[in-house]
Amino acid sequence: MGTASGTLVSTFAMVAYDDIVRTIFLATLGAVVSFVVSYILNKLSKPFRTYRMKRKKNKKCPKE
């Protein structure tokens, strides 16, 4: 327990405030970009999905 807490405290002492701010900013930016790209791809793929669903629904099974 003593070694782990000493390592943790020394790690926090070495991390600069600028690094923390930069990390928070980059994490936020990455999350926003990921959300926007997922949203755009979802909107672009919706017509293709509805087309496939209609085509699948209209496709008739051969009777045996």
PDB file of N, CA and C in Angstrom:
ATOM      1  N   MET A   1       0.832  -1.195   0.000  1.00  0.00           N
ATOM      2  CA  MET A   1       0.000   0.000   0.000  1.00  0.00           C
ATOM      3  C   MET A   1       0.871   1.250   0.000  1.00  0.00           C
ATOM      4  N   GLY A   2       1.948   1.243   0.753  1.00  0.00           N
ATOM      5  CA  GLY A   2       2.812   2.417   0.841  1.00  0.00           C
ATOM      6  C   GLY A   2       3.528   2.707  -0.461  1.00  0.00           C
ATOM      7  N   THR A   3       3.988   1.658  -1.141  1.00  0.00           N
ATOM      8  CA  THR A   3       4.693   1.844  -2.410  1.00  0.00           C
ATOM      9  C   THR A   3       3.750   2.358  -3.484  1.00  0.00           C
ATOM     10  N   ALA A   4       2.538   1.803  -3.524  1.00  0.00           N
ATOM     11  CA  ALA A   4       1.562   2.223  -4.533  1.00  0.00           C
ATOM     12  C   ALA A   4       1.154   3.674  -4.332  1.00  0.00           C
ATOM     13  N   SER A   5       0.896   4.064  -3.095  1.00  0.00           N
ATOM     14  CA  SER A   5       0.491   5.455  -2.857  1.00  0.00           C
ATOM     15  C   SER A   5       1.652   6.411  -3.099  1.00  0.00           C
ATOM     16  N   GLY A   6       2.872   6.005  -2.785  1.00  0.00           N
ATOM     17  CA  GLY A   6       4.033   6.852  -3.061  1.00  0.00           C
ATOM     18  C   GLY A   6       4.243   7.046  -4.551  1.00  0.00           C
ATOM     19  N   THR A   7       4.056   5.982  -5.315  1.00  0.00           N
ATOM     20  CA  THR A   7       4.165   6.083  -6.777  1.00  0.00           C
ATOM     21  C   THR A   7       3.087   6.992  -7.334  1.00  0.00           C
ATOM     22  N   LEU A   8       1.878   6.861  -6.827  1.00  0.00           N
ATOM     23  CA  LEU A   8       0.760   7.687  -7.284  1.00  0.00           C
ATOM     24  C   LEU A   8       1.002   9.156  -6.980  1.00  0.00           C
ATOM     25  N   VAL A   9       1.455   9.465  -5.785  1.00  0.00           N
ATOM     26  CA  VAL A   9       1.716  10.854  -5.398  1.00  0.00           C
ATOM     27  C   VAL A   9       2.848  11.444  -6.230  1.00  0.00           C
ATOM     28  N   SER A  10       3.896  10.689  -6.463  1.00  0.00           N
ATOM     29  CA  SER A  10       5.008  11.214  -7.257  1.00  0.00           C
ATOM     30  C   SER A  10       4.609  11.402  -8.717  1.00  0.00           C
ATOM     31  N   THR A  11       3.713  10.566  -9.215  1.00  0.00           N
ATOM     32  CA  THR A  11       3.228  10.730 -10.589  1.00  0.00           C
ATOM     33  C   THR A  11       2.403  11.998 -10.708  1.00  0.00           C
ATOM     34  N   PHE A  12       1.531  12.258  -9.747  1.00  0.00           N
ATOM     35  CA  PHE A  12       0.728  13.474  -9.784  1.00  0.00           C
ATOM     36  C   PHE A  12       1.597  14.717  -9.662  1.00  0.00           C
ATOM     37  N   ALA A  13       2.672  14.631  -8.934  1.00  0.00           N
ATOM     38  CA  ALA A  13       3.560  15.782  -8.765  1.00  0.00           C
ATOM     39  C   ALA A  13       4.295  16.107 -10.061  1.00  0.00           C
ATOM     40  N   MET A  14       4.556  15.100 -10.886  1.00  0.00           N
ATOM     41  CA  MET A  14       5.299  15.318 -12.128  1.00  0.00           C
ATOM     42  C   MET A  14       4.419  15.798 -13.278  1.00  0.00           C
ATOM     43  N   VAL A  15       3.113  15.591 -13.189  1.00  0.00           N
ATOM     44  CA  VAL A  15       2.204  15.982 -14.263  1.00  0.00           C
ATOM     45  C   VAL A  15       1.933  17.477 -14.161  1.00  0.00           C
ATOM     46  N   ALA A  16       2.152  18.179 -15.262  1.00  0.00           N
ATOM     47  CA  ALA A  16       1.931  19.627 -15.279  1.00  0.00           C
ATOM     48  C   ALA A  16       0.457  19.931 -15.537  1.00  0.00           C
ATOM     49  N   TYR A  17       0.039  21.101 -15.104  1.00  0.00           N
ATOM     50  CA  TYR A  17      -1.336  21.544 -15.295  1.00  0.00           C
ATOM     51  C   TYR A  17      -1.665  21.633 -16.779  1.00  0.00           C
ATOM     52  N   ASP A  18      -0.718  22.100 -17.584  1.00  0.00           N
ATOM     53  CA  ASP A  18      -0.936  22.220 -19.026  1.00  0.00           C
ATOM     54  C   ASP A  18      -1.216  20.859 -19.662  1.00  0.00           C
ATOM     55  N   ASP A  19      -0.541  19.832 -19.182  1.00  0.00           N
ATOM     56  CA  ASP A  19      -0.769  18.488 -19.716  1.00  0.00           C
ATOM     57  C   ASP A  19      -2.177  18.000 -19.409  1.00  0.00           C
ATOM     58  N   ILE A  20      -2.651  18.300 -18.223  1.00  0.00           N
ATOM     59  CA  ILE A  20      -4.003  17.888 -17.841  1.00  0.00           C
ATOM     60  C   ILE A  20      -5.035  18.601 -18.696  1.00  0.00           C
ATOM     61  N   VAL A  21      -4.858  19.908 -18.884  1.00  0.00           N
ATOM     62  CA  VAL A  21      -5.790  20.687 -19.704  1.00  0.00           C
ATOM     63  C   VAL A  21      -5.769  20.181 -21.141  1.00  0.00           C
ATOM     64  N   ARG A  22      -4.581  19.912 -21.676  1.00  0.00           N
ATOM     65  CA  ARG A  22      -4.459  19.418 -23.048  1.00  0.00           C
ATOM     66  C   ARG A  22      -5.135  18.055 -23.193  1.00  0.00           C
ATOM     67  N   THR A  23      -4.962  17.195 -22.205  1.00  0.00           N
ATOM     68  CA  THR A  23      -5.580  15.873 -22.250  1.00  0.00           C
ATOM     69  C   THR A  23      -7.096  15.969 -22.225  1.00  0.00           C
ATOM     70  N   ILE A  24      -7.625  16.828 -21.361  1.00  0.00           N
ATOM     71  CA  ILE A  24      -9.077  17.023 -21.293  1.00  0.00           C
ATOM     72  C   ILE A  24      -9.601  17.574 -22.608  1.00  0.00           C
ATOM     73  N   PHE A  25      -8.899  18.547 -23.177  1.00  0.00           N
ATOM     74  CA  PHE A  25      -9.315  19.142 -24.449  1.00  0.00           C
ATOM     75  C   PHE A  25      -9.305  18.103 -25.571  1.00  0.00           C
ATOM     76  N   LEU A  26      -8.232  17.323 -25.671  1.00  0.00           N
ATOM     77  CA  LEU A  26      -8.132  16.331 -26.742  1.00  0.00           C
ATOM     78  C   LEU A  26      -9.157  15.208 -26.576  1.00  0.00           C
ATOM     79  N   ALA A  27      -9.439  14.816 -25.341  1.00  0.00           N
ATOM     80  CA  ALA A  27     -10.459  13.794 -25.104  1.00  0.00           C
ATOM     81  C   ALA A  27     -11.837  14.301 -25.512  1.00  0.00           C
ATOM     82  N   THR A  28     -12.134  15.554 -25.171  1.00  0.00           N
ATOM     83  CA  THR A  28     -13.413  16.148 -25.553  1.00  0.00           C
ATOM     84  C   THR A  28     -13.521  16.271 -27.062  1.00  0.00           C
ATOM     85  N   LEU A  29     -12.468  16.748 -27.695  1.00  0.00           N
ATOM     86  CA  LEU A  29     -12.458  16.888 -29.148  1.00  0.00           C
ATOM     87  C   LEU A  29     -12.634  15.529 -29.826  1.00  0.00           C
ATOM     88  N   GLY A  30     -11.962  14.519 -29.339  1.00  0.00           N
ATOM     89  CA  GLY A  30     -12.098  13.178 -29.905  1.00  0.00           C
ATOM     90  C   GLY A  30     -13.511  12.640 -29.769  1.00  0.00           C
ATOM     91  N   ALA A  31     -14.141  12.873 -28.632  1.00  0.00           N
ATOM     92  CA  ALA A  31     -15.513  12.407 -28.425  1.00  0.00           C
ATOM     93  C   ALA A  31     -16.482  13.127 -29.354  1.00  0.00           C
ATOM     94  N   VAL A  32     -16.298  14.436 -29.524  1.00  0.00           N
ATOM     95  CA  VAL A  32     -17.179  15.213 -30.404  1.00  0.00           C
ATOM     96  C   VAL A  32     -17.010  14.766 -31.855  1.00  0.00           C
ATOM     97  N   VAL A  33     -15.775  14.605 -32.300  1.00  0.00           N
ATOM     98  CA  VAL A  33     -15.523  14.172 -33.677  1.00  0.00           C
ATOM     99  C   VAL A  33     -16.101  12.776 -33.906  1.00  0.00           C
ATOM    100  N   SER A  34     -15.930  11.888 -32.960  1.00  0.00           N
ATOM    101  CA  SER A  34     -16.476  10.535 -33.081  1.00  0.00           C
ATOM    102  C   SER A  34     -17.996  10.567 -33.188  1.00  0.00           C
ATOM    103  N   PHE A  35     -18.644  11.382 -32.372  1.00  0.00           N
ATOM    104  CA  PHE A  35     -20.099  11.491 -32.415  1.00  0.00           C
ATOM    105  C   PHE A  35     -20.568  12.048 -33.747  1.00  0.00           C
ATOM    106  N   VAL A  36     -19.917  13.110 -34.223  1.00  0.00           N
ATOM    107  CA  VAL A  36     -20.328  13.750 -35.478  1.00  0.00           C
ATOM    108  C   VAL A  36     -20.155  12.785 -36.654  1.00  0.00           C
ATOM    109  N   VAL A  37     -19.038  12.088 -36.709  1.00  0.00           N
ATOM    110  CA  VAL A  37     -18.806  11.142 -37.806  1.00  0.00           C
ATOM    111  C   VAL A  37     -19.829  10.011 -37.758  1.00  0.00           C
ATOM    112  N   SER A  38     -20.119   9.487 -36.585  1.00  0.00           N
ATOM    113  CA  SER A  38     -21.126   8.430 -36.457  1.00  0.00           C
ATOM    114  C   SER A  38     -22.498   8.924 -36.884  1.00  0.00           C
ATOM    115  N   TYR A  39     -22.844  10.136 -36.509  1.00  0.00           N
ATOM    116  CA  TYR A  39     -24.134  10.718 -36.866  1.00  0.00           C
ATOM    117  C   TYR A  39     -24.255  10.887 -38.379  1.00  0.00           C
ATOM    118  N   ILE A  40     -23.204  11.419 -39.001  1.00  0.00           N
ATOM    119  CA  ILE A  40     -23.224  11.637 -40.451  1.00  0.00           C
ATOM    120  C   ILE A  40     -23.304  10.300 -41.190  1.00  0.00           C
ATOM    121  N   LEU A  41     -22.514   9.329 -40.774  1.00  0.00           N
ATOM    122  CA  LEU A  41     -22.562   8.021 -41.432  1.00  0.00           C
ATOM    123  C   LEU A  41     -23.921   7.356 -41.256  1.00  0.00           C
ATOM    124  N   ASN A  42     -24.535   7.542 -40.109  1.00  0.00           N
ATOM    125  CA  ASN A  42     -25.861   6.988 -39.879  1.00  0.00           C
ATOM    126  C   ASN A  42     -26.882   7.636 -40.811  1.00  0.00           C
ATOM    127  N   LYS A  43     -26.811   8.949 -40.970  1.00  0.00           N
ATOM    128  CA  LYS A  43     -27.739   9.653 -41.861  1.00  0.00           C
ATOM    129  C   LYS A  43     -27.507   9.271 -43.317  1.00  0.00           C
ATOM    130  N   LEU A  44     -26.242   9.088 -43.710  1.00  0.00           N
ATOM    131  CA  LEU A  44     -25.946   8.725 -45.090  1.00  0.00           C
ATOM    132  C   LEU A  44     -26.348   7.290 -45.406  1.00  0.00           C
ATOM    133  N   SER A  45     -26.275   6.414 -44.436  1.00  0.00           N
ATOM    134  CA  SER A  45     -26.579   5.008 -44.697  1.00  0.00           C
ATOM    135  C   SER A  45     -28.065   4.682 -44.561  1.00  0.00           C
ATOM    136  N   LYS A  46     -28.857   5.588 -44.035  1.00  0.00           N
ATOM    137  CA  LYS A  46     -30.277   5.319 -43.835  1.00  0.00           C
ATOM    138  C   LYS A  46     -31.012   5.021 -45.145  1.00  0.00           C
ATOM    139  N   PRO A  47     -30.800   5.787 -46.226  1.00  0.00           N
ATOM    140  CA  PRO A  47     -31.487   5.441 -47.479  1.00  0.00           C
ATOM    141  C   PRO A  47     -31.122   4.047 -47.991  1.00  0.00           C
ATOM    142  N   PHE A  48     -29.889   3.644 -47.829  1.00  0.00           N
ATOM    143  CA  PHE A  48     -29.481   2.319 -48.280  1.00  0.00           C
ATOM    144  C   PHE A  48     -30.135   1.226 -47.443  1.00  0.00           C
ATOM    145  N   ARG A  49     -30.260   1.457 -46.150  1.00  0.00           N
ATOM    146  CA  ARG A  49     -30.902   0.467 -45.286  1.00  0.00           C
ATOM    147  C   ARG A  49     -32.384   0.324 -45.617  1.00  0.00           C
ATOM    148  N   THR A  50     -33.077   1.448 -45.856  1.00  0.00           N
ATOM    149  CA  THR A  50     -34.499   1.368 -46.190  1.00  0.00           C
ATOM    150  C   THR A  50     -34.685   0.704 -47.549  1.00  0.00           C
ATOM    151  N   TYR A  51     -33.788   0.956 -48.489  1.00  0.00           N
ATOM    152  CA  TYR A  51     -33.861   0.308 -49.797  1.00  0.00           C
ATOM    153  C   TYR A  51     -33.711  -1.204 -49.654  1.00  0.00           C
ATOM    154  N   ARG A  52     -32.759  -1.641 -48.853  1.00  0.00           N
ATOM    155  CA  ARG A  52     -32.540  -3.074 -48.659  1.00  0.00           C
ATOM    156  C   ARG A  52     -33.728  -3.722 -47.953  1.00  0.00           C
ATOM    157  N   MET A  53     -34.317  -3.010 -46.996  1.00  0.00           N
ATOM    158  CA  MET A  53     -35.469  -3.566 -46.282  1.00  0.00           C
ATOM    159  C   MET A  53     -36.657  -3.725 -47.227  1.00  0.00           C
ATOM    160  N   LYS A  54     -36.899  -2.712 -48.080  1.00  0.00           N
ATOM    161  CA  LYS A  54     -37.998  -2.798 -49.038  1.00  0.00           C
ATOM    162  C   LYS A  54     -37.749  -3.918 -50.036  1.00  0.00           C
ATOM    163  N   ARG A  55     -36.523  -4.024 -50.499  1.00  0.00           N
ATOM    164  CA  ARG A  55     -36.178  -5.058 -51.467  1.00  0.00           C
ATOM    165  C   ARG A  55     -36.335  -6.452 -50.847  1.00  0.00           C
ATOM    166  N   LYS A  56     -35.923  -6.580 -49.611  1.00  0.00           N
ATOM    167  CA  LYS A  56     -36.046  -7.863 -48.923  1.00  0.00           C
ATOM    168  C   LYS A  56     -37.511  -8.220 -48.699  1.00  0.00           C
ATOM    169  N   LYS A  57     -38.328  -7.203 -48.389  1.00  0.00           N
ATOM    170  CA  LYS A  57     -39.741  -7.432 -48.138  1.00  0.00           C
ATOM    171  C   LYS A  57     -40.468  -7.829 -49.425  1.00  0.00           C
ATOM    172  N   ASN A  58     -40.087  -7.223 -50.554  1.00  0.00           N
ATOM    173  CA  ASN A  58     -40.745  -7.495 -51.827  1.00  0.00           C
ATOM    174  C   ASN A  58     -40.260  -8.781 -52.485  1.00  0.00           C
ATOM    175  N   LYS A  59     -39.154  -9.296 -52.039  1.00  0.00           N
ATOM    176  CA  LYS A  59     -38.606 -10.513 -52.621  1.00  0.00           C
ATOM    177  C   LYS A  59     -39.494 -11.688 -52.223  1.00  0.00           C
ATOM    178  N   LYS A  60     -39.940 -12.433 -53.225  1.00  0.00           N
ATOM    179  CA  LYS A  60     -40.854 -13.540 -52.949  1.00  0.00           C
ATOM    180  C   LYS A  60     -40.088 -14.841 -52.846  1.00  0.00           C
ATOM    181  N   CYS A  61     -40.507 -15.655 -51.916  1.00  0.00           N
ATOM    182  CA  CYS A  61     -39.886 -16.964 -51.741  1.00  0.00           C
ATOM    183  C   CYS A  61     -40.501 -17.941 -52.742  1.00  0.00           C
ATOM    184  N   PRO A  62     -39.680 -18.735 -53.403  1.00  0.00           N
ATOM    185  CA  PRO A  62     -40.243 -19.727 -54.330  1.00  0.00           C
ATOM    186  C   PRO A  62     -40.962 -20.835 -53.552  1.00  0.00           C
ATOM    187  N   LYS A  63     -42.101 -21.240 -54.089  1.00  0.00           N
ATOM    188  CA  LYS A  63     -42.870 -22.302 -53.427  1.00  0.00           C
ATOM    189  C   LYS A  63     -42.308 -23.647 -53.829  1.00  0.00           C
ATOM    190  N   GLU A  64     -42.273 -24.536 -52.862  1.00  0.00           N
ATOM    191  CA  GLU A  64     -41.728 -25.871 -53.139  1.00  0.00           C
ATOM    192  C   GLU A  64     -42.824 -26.865 -53.289  1.00  0.00           C
TER     193      GLU A  64
END
